[in-house]
Amino acid sequence: VYKGRERSILEFTDRAFVLNGFSKLYAMTGWRLGYLIVPEPF
């Protein structure tokens, strides 16, 4: 982000699944690694 700042949806609610990973920010596309933040019941 080059102006302002990004906000995670977790700042606004716990009823959220968050997708993230390492491909874009860390130039790791070929490493194939991501993660999911999951609400506890799931």
All heavy atoms as atom14 arrays in JSON, in Angstrom:
{
  "sequence": "VYKGRERSILEFTDRAFVLNGFSKLYAMTGWRLGYLIVPEPF",
  "atom14_mask": [
    [1, 1, 1, 1, 1, 1, 1, 0, 0, 0, 0, 0, 0, 0],
    [1, 1, 1, 1, 1, 1, 1, 1, 1, 1, 1, 1, 0, 0],
    [1, 1, 1, 1, 1, 1, 1, 1, 1, 0, 0, 0, 0, 0],
    [1, 1, 1, 1, 0, 0, 0, 0, 0, 0, 0, 0, 0, 0],
    [1, 1, 1, 1, 1, 1, 1, 1, 1, 1, 1, 0, 0, 0],
    [1, 1, 1, 1, 1, 1, 1, 1, 1, 0, 0, 0, 0, 0],
    [1, 1, 1, 1, 1, 1, 1, 1, 1, 1, 1, 0, 0, 0],
    [1, 1, 1, 1, 1, 1, 0, 0, 0, 0, 0, 0, 0, 0],
    [1, 1, 1, 1, 1, 1, 1, 1, 0, 0, 0, 0, 0, 0],
    [1, 1, 1, 1, 1, 1, 1, 1, 0, 0, 0, 0, 0, 0],
    [1, 1, 1, 1, 1, 1, 1, 1, 1, 0, 0, 0, 0, 0],
    [1, 1, 1, 1, 1, 1, 1, 1, 1, 1, 1, 0, 0, 0],
    [1, 1, 1, 1, 1, 1, 1, 0, 0, 0, 0, 0, 0, 0],
    [1, 1, 1, 1, 1, 1, 1, 1, 0, 0, 0, 0, 0, 0],
    [1, 1, 1, 1, 1, 1, 1, 1, 1, 1, 1, 0, 0, 0],
    [1, 1, 1, 1, 1, 0, 0, 0, 0, 0, 0, 0, 0, 0],
    [1, 1, 1, 1, 1, 1, 1, 1, 1, 1, 1, 0, 0, 0],
    [1, 1, 1, 1, 1, 1, 1, 0, 0, 0, 0, 0, 0, 0],
    [1, 1, 1, 1, 1, 1, 1, 1, 0, 0, 0, 0, 0, 0],
    [1, 1, 1, 1, 1, 1, 1, 1, 0, 0, 0, 0, 0, 0],
    [1, 1, 1, 1, 0, 0, 0, 0, 0, 0, 0, 0, 0, 0],
    [1, 1, 1, 1, 1, 1, 1, 1, 1, 1, 1, 0, 0, 0],
    [1, 1, 1, 1, 1, 1, 0, 0, 0, 0, 0, 0, 0, 0],
    [1, 1, 1, 1, 1, 1, 1, 1, 1, 0, 0, 0, 0, 0],
    [1, 1, 1, 1, 1, 1, 1, 1, 0, 0, 0, 0, 0, 0],
    [1, 1, 1, 1, 1, 1, 1, 1, 1, 1, 1, 1, 0, 0],
    [1, 1, 1, 1, 1, 0, 0, 0, 0, 0, 0, 0, 0, 0],
    [1, 1, 1, 1, 1, 1, 1, 1, 0, 0, 0, 0, 0, 0],
    [1, 1, 1, 1, 1, 1, 1, 0, 0, 0, 0, 0, 0, 0],
    [1, 1, 1, 1, 0, 0, 0, 0, 0, 0, 0, 0, 0, 0],
    [1, 1, 1, 1, 1, 1, 1, 1, 1, 1, 1, 1, 1, 1],
    [1, 1, 1, 1, 1, 1, 1, 1, 1, 1, 1, 0, 0, 0],
    [1, 1, 1, 1, 1, 1, 1, 1, 0, 0, 0, 0, 0, 0],
    [1, 1, 1, 1, 0, 0, 0, 0, 0, 0, 0, 0, 0, 0],
    [1, 1, 1, 1, 1, 1, 1, 1, 1, 1, 1, 1, 0, 0],
    [1, 1, 1, 1, 1, 1, 1, 1, 0, 0, 0, 0, 0, 0],
    [1, 1, 1, 1, 1, 1, 1, 1, 0, 0, 0, 0, 0, 0],
    [1, 1, 1, 1, 1, 1, 1, 0, 0, 0, 0, 0, 0, 0],
    [1, 1, 1, 1, 1, 1, 1, 0, 0, 0, 0, 0, 0, 0],
    [1, 1, 1, 1, 1, 1, 1, 1, 1, 0, 0, 0, 0, 0],
    [1, 1, 1, 1, 1, 1, 1, 0, 0, 0, 0, 0, 0, 0],
    [1, 1, 1, 1, 1, 1, 1, 1, 1, 1, 1, 0, 0, 0]
  ],
  "atom14_positions": [
    [[0.86, -1.18, 0.0], [0.0, 0.0, 0.0], [0.9, 1.23, 0.0], [1.83, 1.32, 0.8], [-0.94, 0.01, 1.22], [-1.74, 1.3, 1.27], [-1.89, -1.19, 1.17], [0.0, 0.0, 0.0], [0.0, 0.0, 0.0], [0.0, 0.0, 0.0], [0.0, 0.0, 0.0], [0.0, 0.0, 0.0], [0.0, 0.0, 0.0], [0.0, 0.0, 0.0]],
    [[0.59, 2.19, -0.89], [1.5, 3.31, -1.14], [0.95, 4.64, -0.63], [1.71, 5.6, -0.5], [1.78, 3.4, -2.64], [2.08, 2.03, -3.22], [1.14, 1.35, -3.97], [3.28, 1.39, -2.92], [1.39, 0.07, -4.46], [3.54, 0.11, -3.4], [2.59, -0.54, -4.16], [2.83, -1.82, -4.62], [0.0, 0.0, 0.0], [0.0, 0.0, 0.0]],
    [[-0.32, 4.69, -0.31], [-0.94, 5.85, 0.33], [-1.97, 5.33, 1.33], [-2.74, 4.43, 1.0], [-1.62, 6.76, -0.69], [-0.67, 7.53, -1.6], [-1.46, 8.49, -2.49], [-0.54, 9.31, -3.38], [-1.3, 10.25, -4.24], [0.0, 0.0, 0.0], [0.0, 0.0, 0.0], [0.0, 0.0, 0.0], [0.0, 0.0, 0.0], [0.0, 0.0, 0.0]],
    [[-2.0, 5.93, 2.52], [-2.91, 5.43, 3.54], [-2.39, 4.12, 4.1], [-1.21, 3.8, 4.02], [0.0, 0.0, 0.0], [0.0, 0.0, 0.0], [0.0, 0.0, 0.0], [0.0, 0.0, 0.0], [0.0, 0.0, 0.0], [0.0, 0.0, 0.0], [0.0, 0.0, 0.0], [0.0, 0.0, 0.0], [0.0, 0.0, 0.0], [0.0, 0.0, 0.0]],
    [[-3.31, 3.32, 4.65], [-2.9, 2.02, 5.17], [-4.06, 1.04, 5.04], [-5.23, 1.42, 5.02], [-2.43, 2.1, 6.61], [-3.51, 2.2, 7.68], [-2.88, 2.19, 9.07], [-3.86, 2.16, 10.14], [-4.31, 1.04, 10.71], [-3.88, -0.13, 10.27], [-5.19, 1.09, 11.7], [0.0, 0.0, 0.0], [0.0, 0.0, 0.0], [0.0, 0.0, 0.0]],
    [[-3.69, -0.22, 4.94], [-4.68, -1.27, 4.85], [-5.22, -1.61, 6.23], [-4.54, -1.41, 7.23], [-4.08, -2.53, 4.21], [-2.96, -3.17, 5.0], [-1.6, -2.55, 4.73], [-1.52, -1.32, 4.55], [-0.61, -3.3, 4.7], [0.0, 0.0, 0.0], [0.0, 0.0, 0.0], [0.0, 0.0, 0.0], [0.0, 0.0, 0.0], [0.0, 0.0, 0.0]],
    [[-6.45, -2.12, 6.28], [-7.06, -2.54, 7.54], [-7.51, -3.99, 7.41], [-8.12, -4.38, 6.41], [-8.28, -1.66, 7.87], [-7.98, -0.17, 7.99], [-7.18, 0.17, 9.22], [-7.88, -0.17, 10.45], [-8.72, 0.66, 11.08], [-8.97, 1.87, 10.59], [-9.31, 0.29, 12.21], [0.0, 0.0, 0.0], [0.0, 0.0, 0.0], [0.0, 0.0, 0.0]],
    [[-7.23, -4.78, 8.41], [-7.73, -6.15, 8.43], [-9.19, -6.16, 8.86], [-9.6, -5.37, 9.74], [-6.91, -7.02, 9.38], [-7.5, -8.3, 9.51], [0.0, 0.0, 0.0], [0.0, 0.0, 0.0], [0.0, 0.0, 0.0], [0.0, 0.0, 0.0], [0.0, 0.0, 0.0], [0.0, 0.0, 0.0], [0.0, 0.0, 0.0], [0.0, 0.0, 0.0]],
    [[-9.97, -7.04, 8.3], [-11.38, -7.15, 8.7], [-11.49, -7.55, 10.16], [-12.49, -7.25, 10.82], [-12.12, -8.17, 7.79], [-13.64, -8.04, 7.98], [-11.65, -9.58, 8.06], [-14.19, -6.69, 7.59], [0.0, 0.0, 0.0], [0.0, 0.0, 0.0], [0.0, 0.0, 0.0], [0.0, 0.0, 0.0], [0.0, 0.0, 0.0], [0.0, 0.0, 0.0]],
    [[-10.43, -8.19, 10.71], [-10.46, -8.59, 12.11], [-10.44, -7.41, 13.06], [-10.73, -7.56, 14.25], [-9.28, -9.52, 12.41], [-9.29, -10.87, 11.69], [-8.0, -11.64, 11.97], [-10.51, -11.69, 12.08], [0.0, 0.0, 0.0], [0.0, 0.0, 0.0], [0.0, 0.0, 0.0], [0.0, 0.0, 0.0], [0.0, 0.0, 0.0], [0.0, 0.0, 0.0]],
    [[-10.12, -6.22, 12.56], [-10.2, -5.02, 13.37], [-11.64, -4.59, 13.6], [-11.93, -3.77, 14.48], [-9.43, -3.88, 12.71], [-7.94, -4.12, 12.57], [-7.24, -2.99, 11.85], [-7.12, -1.9, 12.46], [-6.84, -3.18, 10.69], [0.0, 0.0, 0.0], [0.0, 0.0, 0.0], [0.0, 0.0, 0.0], [0.0, 0.0, 0.0], [0.0, 0.0, 0.0]],
    [[-12.55, -5.15, 12.78], [-13.94, -4.72, 12.82], [-14.91, -5.81, 13.28], [-16.0, -5.5, 13.75], [-14.37, -4.22, 11.44], [-13.53, -3.09, 10.91], [-12.43, -3.33, 10.1], [-13.82, -1.78, 11.25], [-11.64, -2.29, 9.62], [-13.04, -0.73, 10.77], [-11.95, -0.98, 9.96], [0.0, 0.0, 0.0], [0.0, 0.0, 0.0], [0.0, 0.0, 0.0]],
    [[-14.51, -7.09, 13.13], [-15.4, -8.17, 13.51], [-14.61, -9.47, 13.7], [-13.57, -9.67, 13.06], [-16.49, -8.41, 12.45], [-17.34, -9.49, 12.86], [-15.89, -8.75, 11.09], [0.0, 0.0, 0.0], [0.0, 0.0, 0.0], [0.0, 0.0, 0.0], [0.0, 0.0, 0.0], [0.0, 0.0, 0.0], [0.0, 0.0, 0.0], [0.0, 0.0, 0.0]],
    [[-15.15, -10.34, 14.58], [-14.58, -11.68, 14.74], [-15.26, -12.69, 13.82], [-14.79, -13.82, 13.69], [-14.73, -12.15, 16.19], [-13.86, -11.35, 17.15], [-12.77, -10.91, 16.74], [-14.28, -11.16, 18.31], [0.0, 0.0, 0.0], [0.0, 0.0, 0.0], [0.0, 0.0, 0.0], [0.0, 0.0, 0.0], [0.0, 0.0, 0.0], [0.0, 0.0, 0.0]],
    [[-16.36, -12.28, 13.19], [-17.1, -13.19, 12.3], [-16.46, -13.14, 10.91], [-17.08, -12.7, 9.94], [-18.57, -12.8, 12.23], [-19.35, -13.12, 13.5], [-20.81, -12.71, 13.38], [-21.49, -13.3, 12.22], [-21.98, -14.55, 12.18], [-21.85, -15.34, 13.24], [-22.59, -14.99, 11.1], [0.0, 0.0, 0.0], [0.0, 0.0, 0.0], [0.0, 0.0, 0.0]],
    [[-15.22, -13.58, 10.86], [-14.47, -13.41, 9.62], [-13.47, -14.54, 9.41], [-12.85, -15.03, 10.34], [-13.74, -12.07, 9.63], [0.0, 0.0, 0.0], [0.0, 0.0, 0.0], [0.0, 0.0, 0.0], [0.0, 0.0, 0.0], [0.0, 0.0, 0.0], [0.0, 0.0, 0.0], [0.0, 0.0, 0.0], [0.0, 0.0, 0.0], [0.0, 0.0, 0.0]],
    [[-13.35, -14.91, 8.14], [-12.28, -15.76, 7.66], [-11.29, -14.86, 6.93], [-11.69, -14.05, 6.09], [-12.81, -16.81, 6.66], [-13.83, -17.75, 7.22], [-15.17, -17.38, 7.3], [-13.46, -19.03, 7.63], [-16.12, -18.27, 7.79], [-14.4, -19.91, 8.12], [-15.74, -19.54, 8.2], [0.0, 0.0, 0.0], [0.0, 0.0, 0.0], [0.0, 0.0, 0.0]],
    [[-10.01, -15.0, 7.24], [-8.99, -14.16, 6.62], [-8.05, -15.03, 5.8], [-7.45, -15.98, 6.3], [-8.19, -13.37, 7.67], [-7.02, -12.64, 7.03], [-9.1, -12.37, 8.38], [0.0, 0.0, 0.0], [0.0, 0.0, 0.0], [0.0, 0.0, 0.0], [0.0, 0.0, 0.0], [0.0, 0.0, 0.0], [0.0, 0.0, 0.0], [0.0, 0.0, 0.0]],
    [[-7.93, -14.68, 4.51], [-6.98, -15.33, 3.6], [-5.74, -14.45, 3.48], [-5.86, -13.23, 3.31], [-7.61, -15.51, 2.22], [-8.8, -16.45, 2.12], [-9.69, -16.05, 0.95], [-8.33, -17.88, 1.96], [0.0, 0.0, 0.0], [0.0, 0.0, 0.0], [0.0, 0.0, 0.0], [0.0, 0.0, 0.0], [0.0, 0.0, 0.0], [0.0, 0.0, 0.0]],
    [[-4.57, -15.08, 3.58], [-3.33, -14.33, 3.38], [-2.24, -15.31, 3.0], [-2.48, -16.52, 2.94], [-2.96, -13.54, 4.64], [-2.17, -12.29, 4.35], [-1.43, -12.23, 3.36], [-2.3, -11.28, 5.19], [0.0, 0.0, 0.0], [0.0, 0.0, 0.0], [0.0, 0.0, 0.0], [0.0, 0.0, 0.0], [0.0, 0.0, 0.0], [0.0, 0.0, 0.0]],
    [[-1.06, -14.78, 2.69], [0.02, -15.66, 2.28], [1.29, -14.88, 2.02], [1.42, -13.71, 2.39], [0.0, 0.0, 0.0], [0.0, 0.0, 0.0], [0.0, 0.0, 0.0], [0.0, 0.0, 0.0], [0.0, 0.0, 0.0], [0.0, 0.0, 0.0], [0.0, 0.0, 0.0], [0.0, 0.0, 0.0], [0.0, 0.0, 0.0], [0.0, 0.0, 0.0]],
    [[2.2, -15.51, 1.33], [3.56, -14.98, 1.18], [3.94, -14.69, -0.27], [4.99, -14.13, -0.53], [4.55, -15.98, 1.8], [4.28, -16.22, 3.26], [3.38, -17.2, 3.67], [4.87, -15.43, 4.22], [3.1, -17.39, 5.01], [4.59, -15.61, 5.57], [3.7, -16.59, 5.96], [0.0, 0.0, 0.0], [0.0, 0.0, 0.0], [0.0, 0.0, 0.0]],
    [[3.06, -15.03, -1.21], [3.4, -14.93, -2.63], [3.69, -13.51, -3.07], [4.68, -13.27, -3.77], [2.26, -15.51, -3.48], [2.14, -16.89, -3.3], [0.0, 0.0, 0.0], [0.0, 0.0, 0.0], [0.0, 0.0, 0.0], [0.0, 0.0, 0.0], [0.0, 0.0, 0.0], [0.0, 0.0, 0.0], [0.0, 0.0, 0.0], [0.0, 0.0, 0.0]],
    [[2.85, -12.57, -2.71], [2.92, -11.22, -3.27], [3.89, -10.33, -2.51], [4.82, -9.76, -3.09], [1.52, -10.6, -3.28], [0.44, -11.47, -3.9], [0.69, -11.8, -5.36], [-0.48, -12.62, -5.92], [-0.32, -12.92, -7.35], [0.0, 0.0, 0.0], [0.0, 0.0, 0.0], [0.0, 0.0, 0.0], [0.0, 0.0, 0.0], [0.0, 0.0, 0.0]],
    [[3.69, -10.21, -1.21], [4.5, -9.28, -0.43], [5.96, -9.69, -0.36], [6.86, -8.85, -0.4], [3.93, -9.16, 0.99], [4.59, -8.15, 1.92], [4.47, -6.73, 1.36], [3.97, -8.23, 3.32], [0.0, 0.0, 0.0], [0.0, 0.0, 0.0], [0.0, 0.0, 0.0], [0.0, 0.0, 0.0], [0.0, 0.0, 0.0], [0.0, 0.0, 0.0]],
    [[6.21, -10.99, -0.31], [7.58, -11.48, -0.12], [8.16, -12.1, -1.38], [9.22, -12.74, -1.32], [7.61, -12.5, 1.03], [7.16, -11.92, 2.34], [5.89, -12.18, 2.83], [8.0, -11.09, 3.09], [5.46, -11.64, 4.03], [7.58, -10.55, 4.29], [6.31, -10.82, 4.76], [5.89, -10.28, 5.95], [0.0, 0.0, 0.0], [0.0, 0.0, 0.0]],
    [[7.49, -11.92, -2.52], [7.98, -12.45, -3.8], [8.26, -13.96, -3.69], [9.32, -14.45, -4.05], [9.25, -11.71, -4.26], [0.0, 0.0, 0.0], [0.0, 0.0, 0.0], [0.0, 0.0, 0.0], [0.0, 0.0, 0.0], [0.0, 0.0, 0.0], [0.0, 0.0, 0.0], [0.0, 0.0, 0.0], [0.0, 0.0, 0.0], [0.0, 0.0, 0.0]],
    [[7.25, -14.69, -3.21], [7.39, -16.12, -2.97], [6.32, -16.93, -3.71], [5.83, -17.93, -3.21], [7.33, -16.41, -1.46], [8.5, -15.87, -0.67], [8.32, -16.11, 1.13], [8.36, -17.9, 1.27], [0.0, 0.0, 0.0], [0.0, 0.0, 0.0], [0.0, 0.0, 0.0], [0.0, 0.0, 0.0], [0.0, 0.0, 0.0], [0.0, 0.0, 0.0]],
    [[5.97, -16.52, -4.92], [4.88, -17.2, -5.64], [5.15, -18.69, -5.81], [4.26, -19.52, -5.63], [4.65, -16.55, -7.01], [5.9, -16.46, -7.71], [4.05, -15.16, -6.86], [0.0, 0.0, 0.0], [0.0, 0.0, 0.0], [0.0, 0.0, 0.0], [0.0, 0.0, 0.0], [0.0, 0.0, 0.0], [0.0, 0.0, 0.0], [0.0, 0.0, 0.0]],
    [[6.37, -19.05, -6.17], [6.68, -20.44, -6.43], [6.79, -21.31, -5.18], [6.83, -22.54, -5.28], [0.0, 0.0, 0.0], [0.0, 0.0, 0.0], [0.0, 0.0, 0.0], [0.0, 0.0, 0.0], [0.0, 0.0, 0.0], [0.0, 0.0, 0.0], [0.0, 0.0, 0.0], [0.0, 0.0, 0.0], [0.0, 0.0, 0.0], [0.0, 0.0, 0.0]],
    [[6.83, -20.69, -4.03], [6.93, -21.44, -2.78], [5.59, -22.05, -2.38], [5.55, -22.98, -1.58], [7.44, -20.54, -1.65], [8.81, -20.01, -1.88], [9.19, -19.02, -2.76], [10.01, -20.39, -1.21], [10.53, -18.79, -2.68], [11.07, -19.62, -1.73], [10.29, -21.32, -0.2], [12.37, -19.73, -1.3], [11.6, -21.44, 0.25], [12.63, -20.65, -0.29]],
    [[4.51, -21.5, -2.93], [3.15, -21.99, -2.71], [2.83, -22.12, -1.22], [2.68, -23.22, -0.69], [2.91, -23.33, -3.43], [3.19, -23.35, -4.91], [2.61, -22.18, -5.7], [1.16, -22.04, -5.48], [0.57, -20.88, -5.21], [1.28, -19.76, -5.11], [-0.73, -20.83, -5.05], [0.0, 0.0, 0.0], [0.0, 0.0, 0.0], [0.0, 0.0, 0.0]],
    [[2.71, -20.99, -0.56], [2.41, -21.01, 0.86], [1.46, -19.88, 1.22], [1.73, -18.71, 0.92], [3.69, -20.9, 1.69], [3.52, -21.33, 3.15], [3.36, -22.84, 3.23], [4.71, -20.9, 4.0], [0.0, 0.0, 0.0], [0.0, 0.0, 0.0], [0.0, 0.0, 0.0], [0.0, 0.0, 0.0], [0.0, 0.0, 0.0], [0.0, 0.0, 0.0]],
    [[0.36, -20.25, 1.83], [-0.61, -19.27, 2.3], [-1.15, -19.71, 3.65], [-0.68, -20.68, 4.23], [0.0, 0.0, 0.0], [0.0, 0.0, 0.0], [0.0, 0.0, 0.0], [0.0, 0.0, 0.0], [0.0, 0.0, 0.0], [0.0, 0.0, 0.0], [0.0, 0.0, 0.0], [0.0, 0.0, 0.0], [0.0, 0.0, 0.0], [0.0, 0.0, 0.0]],
    [[-2.14, -18.98, 4.14], [-2.77, -19.38, 5.4], [-4.16, -18.79, 5.49], [-4.54, -17.87, 4.76], [-1.92, -18.99, 6.61], [-1.62, -17.51, 6.76], [-2.48, -16.66, 7.44], [-0.44, -16.97, 6.23], [-2.18, -15.31, 7.61], [-0.14, -15.63, 6.39], [-1.01, -14.8, 7.07], [-0.71, -13.48, 7.22], [0.0, 0.0, 0.0], [0.0, 0.0, 0.0]],
    [[-4.92, -19.37, 6.41], [-6.29, -18.97, 6.64], [-6.5, -18.82, 8.13], [-6.17, -19.73, 8.91], [-7.23, -20.04, 6.06], [-8.73, -19.84, 6.16], [-9.15, -18.59, 5.38], [-9.45, -21.07, 5.6], [0.0, 0.0, 0.0], [0.0, 0.0, 0.0], [0.0, 0.0, 0.0], [0.0, 0.0, 0.0], [0.0, 0.0, 0.0], [0.0, 0.0, 0.0]],
    [[-7.01, -17.67, 8.55], [-7.41, -17.47, 9.93], [-8.89, -17.83, 10.01], [-9.72, -17.26, 9.3], [-7.15, -16.01, 10.38], [-5.66, -15.69, 10.28], [-7.65, -15.8, 11.81], [-5.32, -14.24, 10.58], [0.0, 0.0, 0.0], [0.0, 0.0, 0.0], [0.0, 0.0, 0.0], [0.0, 0.0, 0.0], [0.0, 0.0, 0.0], [0.0, 0.0, 0.0]],
    [[-9.2, -18.8, 10.87], [-10.51, -19.46, 10.87], [-11.25, -19.18, 12.17], [-10.67, -19.32, 13.26], [-10.32, -20.99, 10.7], [-11.66, -21.69, 10.56], [-9.41, -21.3, 9.51], [0.0, 0.0, 0.0], [0.0, 0.0, 0.0], [0.0, 0.0, 0.0], [0.0, 0.0, 0.0], [0.0, 0.0, 0.0], [0.0, 0.0, 0.0], [0.0, 0.0, 0.0]],
    [[-12.53, -18.83, 12.11], [-13.32, -18.75, 13.35], [-13.33, -20.1, 14.06], [-13.42, -21.16, 13.41], [-14.72, -18.38, 12.85], [-14.49, -17.71, 11.52], [-13.31, -18.42, 10.93], [0.0, 0.0, 0.0], [0.0, 0.0, 0.0], [0.0, 0.0, 0.0], [0.0, 0.0, 0.0], [0.0, 0.0, 0.0], [0.0, 0.0, 0.0], [0.0, 0.0, 0.0]],
    [[-13.25, -20.08, 15.37], [-13.04, -21.3, 16.15], [-14.01, -22.44, 15.81], [-13.57, -23.61, 15.73], [-13.11, -20.96, 17.65], [-12.58, -22.05, 18.56], [-13.6, -23.13, 18.82], [-14.81, -22.81, 18.79], [-13.19, -24.29, 19.03], [0.0, 0.0, 0.0], [0.0, 0.0, 0.0], [0.0, 0.0, 0.0], [0.0, 0.0, 0.0], [0.0, 0.0, 0.0]],
    [[-15.32, -22.2, 15.61], [-16.23, -23.33, 15.35], [-15.91, -24.11, 14.08], [-16.37, -25.25, 13.92], [-17.6, -22.66, 15.24], [-17.47, -21.37, 15.98], [-16.06, -20.93, 15.73], [0.0, 0.0, 0.0], [0.0, 0.0, 0.0], [0.0, 0.0, 0.0], [0.0, 0.0, 0.0], [0.0, 0.0, 0.0], [0.0, 0.0, 0.0], [0.0, 0.0, 0.0]],
    [[-15.13, -23.52, 13.17], [-14.86, -24.16, 11.89], [-13.49, -24.84, 11.82], [-13.17, -25.52, 10.85], [-14.94, -23.13, 10.76], [-16.31, -22.52, 10.57], [-16.67, -21.38, 11.27], [-17.23, -23.09, 9.71], [-17.92, -20.81, 11.1], [-18.48, -22.53, 9.53], [-18.84, -21.39, 10.23], [0.0, 0.0, 0.0], [0.0, 0.0, 0.0], [0.0, 0.0, 0.0]]
  ]
}
